[in-house]
């Protein structure tokens, strides 16, 4: 399979006037994009960047980022995109770390994790990992040249960055937004002259759209080819609501991560809306589930290791397989289901509780706009569950009503003891609940 840059060069020769990237009223054709990449690579070379050396830069949500990212690759160097708002001291710390290291000749990207489960780590990815992940998306989600794919997440994160690859590889168009702060800007994209649209959104963003702009979403049923979600669990209630709005669209729940790429996907618009189901492995990936429920990933999309951290690498990457924290099982149809993450499990009176299960049950209560389940201490019985709740507009915290709602859906030991109304649930910038913050 061709690299991203080879694909752009091919489309520049065949369809030079086709739009490759749209962004905030600005746009660039494949022909001009390729010329900009070549010109930018010469600038980087003149500034001293060499093959197999890292280039640390900020992930600005614009065309310039796409040009620089591809130019680094074209030069044979290693792209190290960091969050646009990263503190200067953190930016410099990453630069110092990567510039002090040497790398295998096939490394082309280093993506730093969010650090929600510990210190942020630099994940080294090979050209094979990038092209194989793109191939997974193209084959399983059916990316086509007619597609306009909307990227609203940060471009230093795999869920957004790695959509550039399949879209531009097949000759489609990418539309980059600076987050979803302006919901109108998102919906205005659908006025552009394209027939097929798609996007990736974390469940929290999808819920926000369905709460405040459901009618607008329904009006786009004939335009939206597919929506992918991931990074955090999506509830059955939200699956059903989304499927009702977009009855003919493909709605994917995907297992992915910086260390593993995109490896499994499930179209939940099948009438069953199975919570936690991630379907079957994609073309270039193998997923195993051990007897104790641990999920092990191998294949062409996995990382090569962590930067300057052989100890952490050895814990996760063994014999070409990634041993992560995800837990799950395989059903009778061969579909893989996630049941939680090992570090998130809360031990309540000897029973192990997956907080995501509690959150999903609570989220279907009409008064609950958002929530997170955490561990708390009771003076007599020890560790118990506590539910932090963001209330729907006009609602009041009715602890008994929410508790009964959860008890109707889960075992009694999974019903929280404490309830507290909060203004917002803290999340990482890629949409995951920031459990580390609440464990302080």
Protein backbone atom coordinates (compact mmCIF):
# COMPACT_ATOMS: atom_id res chain seq x y z
CA UNK A 1 0.00 0.00 0.00
CA UNK A 2 1.28 3.50 -0.83
CA UNK A 3 2.23 5.95 1.87
CA UNK A 4 0.05 8.99 2.54
CA UNK A 5 2.48 11.24 0.69
CA UNK A 6 2.71 8.92 -2.32
CA UNK A 7 -1.10 8.87 -2.51
CA UNK A 8 -1.32 12.67 -2.39
CA UNK A 9 1.28 12.91 -5.17
CA UNK A 10 -0.72 10.43 -7.26
CA UNK A 11 -3.98 12.36 -6.82
CA UNK A 12 -2.11 15.62 -7.54
CA UNK A 13 -1.14 14.20 -10.94
CA UNK A 14 -4.55 12.66 -11.73
CA UNK A 15 -7.03 15.11 -10.16
CA UNK A 16 -4.99 18.24 -9.36
CA UNK A 17 -8.03 20.51 -9.07
CA UNK A 18 -9.97 18.35 -6.64
CA UNK A 19 -10.26 19.77 -3.09
CA UNK A 20 -8.12 17.82 -0.62
CA UNK A 21 -8.67 19.86 2.56
CA UNK A 22 -11.36 22.33 3.66
CA UNK A 23 -10.84 24.47 6.75
CA UNK A 24 -12.70 27.54 8.05
CA UNK A 25 -13.55 28.85 4.59
CA UNK A 26 -10.08 28.06 3.27
CA UNK A 27 -9.40 25.14 0.94
CA UNK A 28 -6.55 23.54 -0.96
CA UNK A 29 -6.54 21.28 -4.01
CA UNK A 30 -4.51 18.10 -4.33
CA UNK A 31 -2.22 19.82 -6.81
CA UNK A 32 -1.56 22.78 -4.53
CA UNK A 33 -1.31 20.54 -1.45
CA UNK A 34 1.44 18.50 -3.05
CA UNK A 35 3.34 21.61 -4.13
CA UNK A 36 3.04 23.01 -0.58
CA UNK A 37 4.35 19.74 0.90
CA UNK A 38 7.41 19.75 -1.34
CA UNK A 39 8.09 23.43 -0.63
CA UNK A 40 7.68 22.94 3.14
CA UNK A 41 10.02 19.93 3.11
CA UNK A 42 12.70 22.11 1.49
CA UNK A 43 12.21 24.71 4.23
CA UNK A 44 12.58 22.07 6.93
CA UNK A 45 15.68 20.66 5.25
CA UNK A 46 17.23 24.13 5.01
CA UNK A 47 16.49 24.60 8.74
CA UNK A 48 18.53 21.48 9.52
CA UNK A 49 15.98 18.67 9.73
CA UNK A 50 17.42 15.38 8.52
CA UNK A 51 16.20 11.87 7.78
CA UNK A 52 15.19 9.76 10.76
CA UNK A 53 15.32 12.75 13.11
CA UNK A 54 12.27 13.99 15.08
CA UNK A 55 10.44 17.22 14.37
CA UNK A 56 8.30 18.47 17.28
CA UNK A 57 5.49 20.85 16.36
CA UNK A 58 2.04 21.94 17.51
CA UNK A 59 -1.11 20.37 16.11
CA UNK A 60 -2.85 23.47 14.80
CA UNK A 61 -6.27 22.68 13.36
CA UNK A 62 -5.58 24.00 9.88
CA UNK A 63 -4.19 23.26 6.44
CA UNK A 64 -0.70 24.31 7.51
CA UNK A 65 -0.61 21.38 9.92
CA UNK A 66 -1.45 18.88 7.17
CA UNK A 67 1.29 20.38 4.98
CA UNK A 68 3.93 20.21 7.73
CA UNK A 69 2.94 16.72 8.86
CA UNK A 70 3.27 15.35 5.33
CA UNK A 71 6.41 17.39 4.59
CA UNK A 72 8.19 15.84 7.59
CA UNK A 73 7.39 12.39 6.22
CA UNK A 74 8.39 13.34 2.68
CA UNK A 75 11.76 14.42 4.01
CA UNK A 76 12.16 11.03 5.71
CA UNK A 77 12.01 12.55 9.20
CA UNK A 78 9.78 11.70 12.18
CA UNK A 79 6.62 13.73 12.91
CA UNK A 80 6.02 14.50 16.61
CA UNK A 81 2.78 16.53 16.81
CA UNK A 82 1.83 17.86 20.25
CA UNK A 83 -1.37 19.39 21.55
CA UNK A 84 -1.72 22.93 20.24
CA UNK A 85 -2.20 24.32 23.77
CA UNK A 86 0.70 22.37 25.31
CA UNK A 87 2.66 24.42 27.83
CA UNK A 88 6.02 25.61 26.55
CA UNK A 89 7.84 23.71 29.31
CA UNK A 90 6.10 20.47 28.26
CA UNK A 91 6.81 21.18 24.60
CA UNK A 92 10.49 21.67 25.37
CA UNK A 93 10.61 18.56 27.58
CA UNK A 94 9.32 16.42 24.71
CA UNK A 95 11.76 18.01 22.29
CA UNK A 96 14.67 17.34 24.66
CA UNK A 97 13.57 13.73 25.11
CA UNK A 98 13.18 12.84 21.44
CA UNK A 99 16.22 14.75 20.24
CA UNK A 100 18.42 12.82 22.68
CA UNK A 101 17.32 9.48 21.19
CA UNK A 102 18.09 7.48 18.08
CA UNK A 103 15.32 5.63 16.25
CA UNK A 104 14.84 2.61 14.03
CA UNK A 105 14.80 3.62 10.34
CA UNK A 106 11.12 2.69 9.88
CA UNK A 107 9.75 5.06 12.59
CA UNK A 108 7.75 7.93 11.05
CA UNK A 109 5.46 9.16 13.85
CA UNK A 110 5.78 9.63 17.60
CA UNK A 111 2.46 10.34 19.30
CA UNK A 112 2.36 11.26 22.96
CA UNK A 113 -0.43 9.71 25.02
CA UNK A 114 -2.70 11.85 27.18
CA UNK A 115 -1.21 10.47 30.38
CA UNK A 116 -4.61 9.66 31.94
CA UNK A 117 -3.23 6.35 33.28
CA UNK A 118 0.21 7.66 34.22
CA UNK A 119 3.08 9.67 32.72
CA UNK A 120 2.56 10.69 29.10
CA UNK A 121 4.54 8.36 26.86
CA UNK A 122 5.87 8.80 23.34
CA UNK A 123 4.48 6.01 21.16
CA UNK A 124 6.73 5.14 18.22
CA UNK A 125 4.88 4.14 15.05
CA UNK A 126 6.30 2.69 11.85
CA UNK A 127 5.30 3.43 8.26
CA UNK A 128 3.78 -0.06 8.19
CA UNK A 129 1.61 0.77 11.22
CA UNK A 130 0.30 3.93 9.54
CA UNK A 131 -0.47 2.39 6.15
CA UNK A 132 -1.98 -0.74 7.72
CA UNK A 133 -4.26 1.32 9.97
CA UNK A 134 -5.39 3.33 6.93
CA UNK A 135 -6.03 0.07 5.10
CA UNK A 136 -8.16 -1.14 8.03
CA UNK A 137 -10.31 1.98 7.85
CA UNK A 138 -10.64 1.91 4.05
CA UNK A 139 -11.66 -1.75 3.93
CA UNK A 140 -13.96 -1.88 6.97
CA UNK A 141 -15.59 1.56 6.81
CA UNK A 142 -15.63 1.92 3.03
CA UNK A 143 -13.89 5.26 2.54
CA UNK A 144 -14.43 6.51 -1.03
CA UNK A 145 -13.21 9.45 -3.17
CA UNK A 146 -16.67 11.09 -2.94
CA UNK A 147 -16.49 11.35 0.84
CA UNK A 148 -15.97 14.51 2.90
CA UNK A 149 -14.74 13.52 6.34
CA UNK A 150 -15.15 16.04 9.18
CA UNK A 151 -12.33 16.10 11.73
CA UNK A 152 -13.21 18.02 14.89
CA UNK A 153 -10.83 16.40 17.38
CA UNK A 154 -7.20 17.35 18.10
CA UNK A 155 -4.81 16.40 15.29
CA UNK A 156 -2.14 15.11 17.66
CA UNK A 157 -4.47 12.31 18.72
CA UNK A 158 -4.77 9.09 16.74
CA UNK A 159 -8.59 9.22 16.44
CA UNK A 160 -8.34 12.42 14.38
CA UNK A 161 -4.82 12.35 12.92
CA UNK A 162 -5.24 8.89 11.48
CA UNK A 163 -8.34 9.93 9.52
CA UNK A 164 -6.10 12.02 7.26
CA UNK A 165 -4.56 8.79 6.00
CA UNK A 166 -7.59 6.85 4.69
CA UNK A 167 -9.38 9.95 3.36
CA UNK A 168 -6.42 11.37 1.43
CA UNK A 169 -5.23 7.92 0.38
CA UNK A 170 -8.47 7.22 -1.51
CA UNK A 171 -8.68 10.77 -2.85
CA UNK A 172 -11.47 12.09 -0.64
CA UNK A 173 -11.70 15.43 1.16
CA UNK A 174 -10.94 16.32 4.78
CA UNK A 175 -12.73 19.15 6.58
CA UNK A 176 -10.91 20.32 9.71
CA UNK A 177 -12.77 22.07 12.55
CA UNK A 178 -11.32 23.56 15.71
CA UNK A 179 -13.33 21.39 18.08
CA UNK A 180 -17.10 21.47 18.58
CA UNK A 181 -17.33 24.67 20.61
CA UNK A 182 -19.31 26.19 17.76
CA UNK A 183 -22.05 23.68 16.94
CA UNK A 184 -23.28 25.85 14.09
CA UNK A 185 -19.89 25.58 12.38
CA UNK A 186 -20.25 21.80 12.42
CA UNK A 187 -23.67 21.86 10.80
CA UNK A 188 -22.60 24.49 8.25
CA UNK A 189 -20.15 21.96 6.79
CA UNK A 190 -23.12 20.03 5.41
CA UNK A 191 -23.94 22.99 3.17
CA UNK A 192 -20.74 22.37 1.22
CA UNK A 193 -21.12 20.84 -2.22
CA UNK A 194 -20.57 17.18 -1.30
CA UNK A 195 -22.97 14.25 -1.35
CA UNK A 196 -21.42 11.97 1.29
CA UNK A 197 -20.29 13.05 4.74
CA UNK A 198 -18.73 11.19 7.65
CA UNK A 199 -17.11 12.02 10.98
CA UNK A 200 -15.62 10.65 14.19
CA UNK A 201 -16.99 11.82 17.53
CA UNK A 202 -16.53 10.63 21.09
CA UNK A 203 -19.80 9.59 22.80
CA UNK A 204 -19.90 12.76 24.92
CA UNK A 205 -19.91 14.93 21.78
CA UNK A 206 -22.57 12.79 20.11
CA UNK A 207 -24.76 13.11 23.19
CA UNK A 208 -24.30 16.89 23.16
CA UNK A 209 -25.43 17.10 19.54
CA UNK A 210 -28.43 14.86 20.18
CA UNK A 211 -29.47 16.89 23.22
CA UNK A 212 -29.32 20.31 21.58
CA UNK A 213 -29.55 19.74 17.81
CA UNK A 214 -31.42 16.49 17.32
CA UNK A 215 -33.77 17.83 14.64
CA UNK A 216 -30.83 19.19 12.66
CA UNK A 217 -29.14 15.80 12.89
CA UNK A 218 -32.28 14.06 11.66
CA UNK A 219 -32.43 16.40 8.66
CA UNK A 220 -29.02 15.11 7.55
CA UNK A 221 -30.09 11.46 7.36
CA UNK A 222 -29.62 11.34 3.57
CA UNK A 223 -26.21 13.01 3.68
CA UNK A 224 -24.36 11.20 6.47
CA UNK A 225 -22.66 8.09 5.12
CA UNK A 226 -21.28 6.99 8.48
CA UNK A 227 -20.31 8.12 11.96
CA UNK A 228 -17.59 6.45 13.99
CA UNK A 229 -17.30 6.67 17.76
CA UNK A 230 -14.80 5.35 20.26
CA UNK A 231 -12.30 6.38 22.98
CA UNK A 232 -15.07 5.92 25.58
CA UNK A 233 -18.16 3.66 25.81
CA UNK A 234 -21.40 4.69 24.12
CA UNK A 235 -24.62 3.78 25.91
CA UNK A 236 -27.38 1.67 24.41
CA UNK A 237 -29.77 4.61 24.82
CA UNK A 238 -27.50 6.85 22.75
CA UNK A 239 -27.04 4.13 20.14
CA UNK A 240 -30.79 3.81 19.71
CA UNK A 241 -31.30 7.59 19.57
CA UNK A 242 -28.56 8.01 16.97
CA UNK A 243 -29.89 5.13 14.86
CA UNK A 244 -33.37 6.66 14.96
CA UNK A 245 -31.98 9.95 13.63
CA UNK A 246 -29.83 8.26 10.96
CA UNK A 247 -31.63 5.04 10.00
CA UNK A 248 -29.66 4.47 6.79
CA UNK A 249 -26.19 5.48 8.03
CA UNK A 250 -23.46 3.15 9.18
CA UNK A 251 -22.72 3.77 12.87
CA UNK A 252 -19.43 2.30 14.01
CA UNK A 253 -18.15 1.57 17.50
CA UNK A 254 -14.39 1.06 17.21
CA UNK A 255 -11.63 -0.29 19.40
CA UNK A 256 -8.49 1.72 18.88
CA UNK A 257 -5.62 3.32 20.71
CA UNK A 258 -2.28 4.98 20.19
CA UNK A 259 -0.40 1.75 20.91
CA UNK A 260 -2.62 -0.49 18.77
CA UNK A 261 -4.12 1.64 15.99
CA UNK A 262 -7.70 0.86 14.90
CA UNK A 263 -8.26 -2.88 15.26
CA UNK A 264 -11.98 -3.75 15.66
CA UNK A 265 -15.25 -2.19 14.59
CA UNK A 266 -18.98 -2.88 14.82
CA UNK A 267 -21.84 -1.20 12.98
CA UNK A 268 -24.37 -0.85 15.80
CA UNK A 269 -27.14 0.30 13.47
CA UNK A 270 -28.26 -3.32 13.27
CA UNK A 271 -31.34 -3.18 15.51
CA UNK A 272 -29.55 -4.78 18.45
CA UNK A 273 -27.52 -1.81 19.78
CA UNK A 274 -25.18 -4.00 21.83
CA UNK A 275 -23.41 -1.96 24.50
CA UNK A 276 -19.68 -2.56 24.54
CA UNK A 277 -19.64 -4.55 21.29
CA UNK A 278 -16.65 -3.76 19.06
CA UNK A 279 -17.34 -6.44 16.46
CA UNK A 280 -14.58 -8.40 14.76
CA UNK A 281 -10.92 -7.64 14.06
CA UNK A 282 -10.11 -5.54 11.02
CA UNK A 283 -8.06 -6.73 8.05
CA UNK A 284 -4.55 -6.12 9.42
CA UNK A 285 -5.24 -6.88 13.08
CA UNK A 286 -5.58 -9.87 15.38
CA UNK A 287 -7.44 -9.64 18.69
CA UNK A 288 -7.37 -12.37 21.33
CA UNK A 289 -9.32 -12.61 24.58
CA UNK A 290 -7.71 -14.68 27.34
CA UNK A 291 -9.55 -16.79 29.92
CA UNK A 292 -9.31 -13.96 32.46
CA UNK A 293 -10.83 -11.52 29.95
CA UNK A 294 -7.65 -9.67 28.96
CA UNK A 295 -7.63 -8.33 25.41
CA UNK A 296 -4.40 -8.86 23.47
CA UNK A 297 -3.76 -7.17 20.12
CA UNK A 298 -1.24 -8.03 17.44
CA UNK A 299 -0.81 -7.31 13.75
CA UNK A 300 0.66 -4.66 11.48
CA UNK A 301 -0.90 -1.62 13.20
CA UNK A 302 0.74 -1.90 16.63
CA UNK A 303 3.43 0.40 17.99
CA UNK A 304 7.16 -0.28 17.92
CA UNK A 305 7.59 0.80 21.55
CA UNK A 306 7.79 3.83 23.87
CA UNK A 307 10.44 6.52 23.52
CA UNK A 308 13.31 6.08 25.98
CA UNK A 309 11.27 3.74 28.16
CA UNK A 310 12.25 0.09 27.61
CA UNK A 311 10.74 -0.95 30.96
CA UNK A 312 7.24 0.29 30.12
CA UNK A 313 7.60 -1.09 26.60
CA UNK A 314 8.44 -4.56 27.96
CA UNK A 315 5.34 -4.52 30.17
CA UNK A 316 2.99 -3.80 27.28
CA UNK A 317 4.70 -5.17 24.15
CA UNK A 318 5.70 -8.83 24.36
CA UNK A 319 6.51 -11.12 21.43
CA UNK A 320 4.83 -8.81 18.95
CA UNK A 321 1.62 -8.50 21.00
CA UNK A 322 0.15 -5.58 22.96
CA UNK A 323 -1.09 -6.48 26.44
CA UNK A 324 -3.29 -3.54 27.40
CA UNK A 325 -5.78 -2.82 30.18
CA UNK A 326 -8.98 -3.56 28.22
CA UNK A 327 -11.17 -6.43 29.42
CA UNK A 328 -13.79 -8.28 27.40
CA UNK A 329 -15.20 -11.51 26.03
CA UNK A 330 -16.16 -13.16 22.75
CA UNK A 331 -19.82 -14.10 22.24
CA UNK A 332 -21.26 -17.11 20.39
CA UNK A 333 -21.20 -15.17 17.08
CA UNK A 334 -17.51 -14.40 17.43
CA UNK A 335 -18.18 -10.74 18.24
CA UNK A 336 -15.87 -9.11 20.77
CA UNK A 337 -17.37 -7.13 23.67
CA UNK A 338 -15.55 -4.74 26.02
CA UNK A 339 -16.43 -4.98 29.71
CA UNK A 340 -14.13 -2.30 31.11
CA UNK A 341 -10.51 -1.53 31.89
CA UNK A 342 -8.51 -3.32 34.56
CA UNK A 343 -7.43 -0.16 36.41
CA UNK A 344 -10.98 1.22 36.50
CA UNK A 345 -12.61 -1.70 38.34
CA UNK A 346 -13.88 -0.78 41.84
CA UNK A 347 -13.95 -3.45 44.58
CA UNK A 348 -17.12 -3.02 46.63
CA UNK A 349 -17.52 -5.49 49.49
CA UNK A 350 -15.71 -8.20 47.53
CA UNK A 351 -17.70 -7.54 44.33
CA UNK A 352 -15.88 -6.09 41.32
CA UNK A 353 -17.80 -3.25 39.69
CA UNK A 354 -17.11 -1.74 36.29
CA UNK A 355 -17.94 1.98 36.73
CA UNK A 356 -18.80 2.32 33.02
CA UNK A 357 -21.68 -0.11 33.52
CA UNK A 358 -23.06 2.09 36.30
CA UNK A 359 -22.61 5.25 34.25
CA UNK A 360 -24.41 3.74 31.26
CA UNK A 361 -27.35 2.70 33.44
CA UNK A 362 -27.58 6.14 35.06
CA UNK A 363 -27.23 7.98 31.74
CA UNK A 364 -30.62 6.73 30.54
CA UNK A 365 -32.36 8.53 33.45
CA UNK A 366 -34.06 11.69 32.09
CA UNK A 367 -32.53 13.91 34.78
CA UNK A 368 -28.95 12.81 34.02
CA UNK A 369 -27.12 14.79 31.36
CA UNK A 370 -23.69 13.33 32.18
CA UNK A 371 -22.12 11.37 35.03
CA UNK A 372 -19.11 9.52 36.35
CA UNK A 373 -18.97 6.71 38.90
CA UNK A 374 -16.03 6.79 41.32
CA UNK A 375 -14.92 5.05 44.52
CA UNK A 376 -15.70 6.70 47.87
CA UNK A 377 -15.19 5.74 51.48
CA UNK A 378 -18.03 4.98 53.90
CA UNK A 379 -17.13 5.25 57.64
CA UNK A 380 -18.59 1.79 58.40
CA UNK A 381 -18.61 -0.42 55.28
CA UNK A 382 -15.49 0.91 53.53
CA UNK A 383 -15.32 1.37 49.77
CA UNK A 384 -18.64 2.27 48.12
CA UNK A 385 -19.74 3.80 44.83
CA UNK A 386 -20.37 7.49 44.35
CA UNK A 387 -22.11 8.98 41.32
CA UNK A 388 -21.28 12.52 40.25
CA UNK A 389 -24.14 13.83 38.13
CA UNK A 390 -24.53 16.71 35.70
CA UNK A 391 -28.26 17.37 35.71
CA UNK A 392 -30.39 17.98 32.65
CA UNK A 393 -31.70 21.52 32.27
CA UNK A 394 -34.38 22.25 34.86
CA UNK A 395 -33.89 18.95 36.71
CA UNK A 396 -33.19 18.52 40.42
CA UNK A 397 -31.07 15.83 42.05
CA UNK A 398 -33.48 13.07 43.09
CA UNK A 399 -31.12 10.49 44.58
CA UNK A 400 -33.83 7.90 45.20
CA UNK A 401 -35.19 8.12 41.67
CA UNK A 402 -31.73 7.65 40.13
CA UNK A 403 -30.90 4.80 42.51
CA UNK A 404 -34.12 2.95 41.66
CA UNK A 405 -33.49 3.54 37.96
CA UNK A 406 -30.05 1.92 38.26
CA UNK A 407 -31.35 -0.93 40.44
CA UNK A 408 -33.89 -1.85 37.74
CA UNK A 409 -31.00 -2.41 35.34
CA UNK A 410 -28.11 -3.70 37.46
CA UNK A 411 -27.36 -5.87 40.47
CA UNK A 412 -27.98 -4.17 43.81
CA UNK A 413 -24.27 -4.06 44.71
CA UNK A 414 -23.73 -1.83 41.64
CA UNK A 415 -26.10 0.87 42.92
CA UNK A 416 -24.11 3.87 44.24
CA UNK A 417 -24.38 4.84 47.89
CA UNK A 418 -23.57 8.52 47.40
CA UNK A 419 -24.84 11.02 44.79
CA UNK A 420 -23.63 14.54 44.11
CA UNK A 421 -24.66 17.14 41.54
CA UNK A 422 -21.74 18.81 39.74
CA UNK A 423 -21.52 21.43 37.01
CA UNK A 424 -19.47 19.28 34.63
CA UNK A 425 -17.59 16.01 34.36
CA UNK A 426 -13.90 16.53 33.81
CA UNK A 427 -12.74 14.84 30.61
CA UNK A 428 -9.49 14.55 28.74
CA UNK A 429 -9.25 16.58 25.54
CA UNK A 430 -10.09 13.47 23.51
CA UNK A 431 -13.36 12.91 25.38
CA UNK A 432 -12.55 10.23 27.92
CA UNK A 433 -13.70 10.71 31.54
CA UNK A 434 -10.63 11.87 33.45
CA UNK A 435 -10.72 9.12 36.07
CA UNK A 436 -7.19 9.91 37.21
CA UNK A 437 -8.36 13.38 38.27
CA UNK A 438 -11.12 11.94 40.48
CA UNK A 439 -8.77 9.40 42.05
CA UNK A 440 -6.64 12.12 43.64
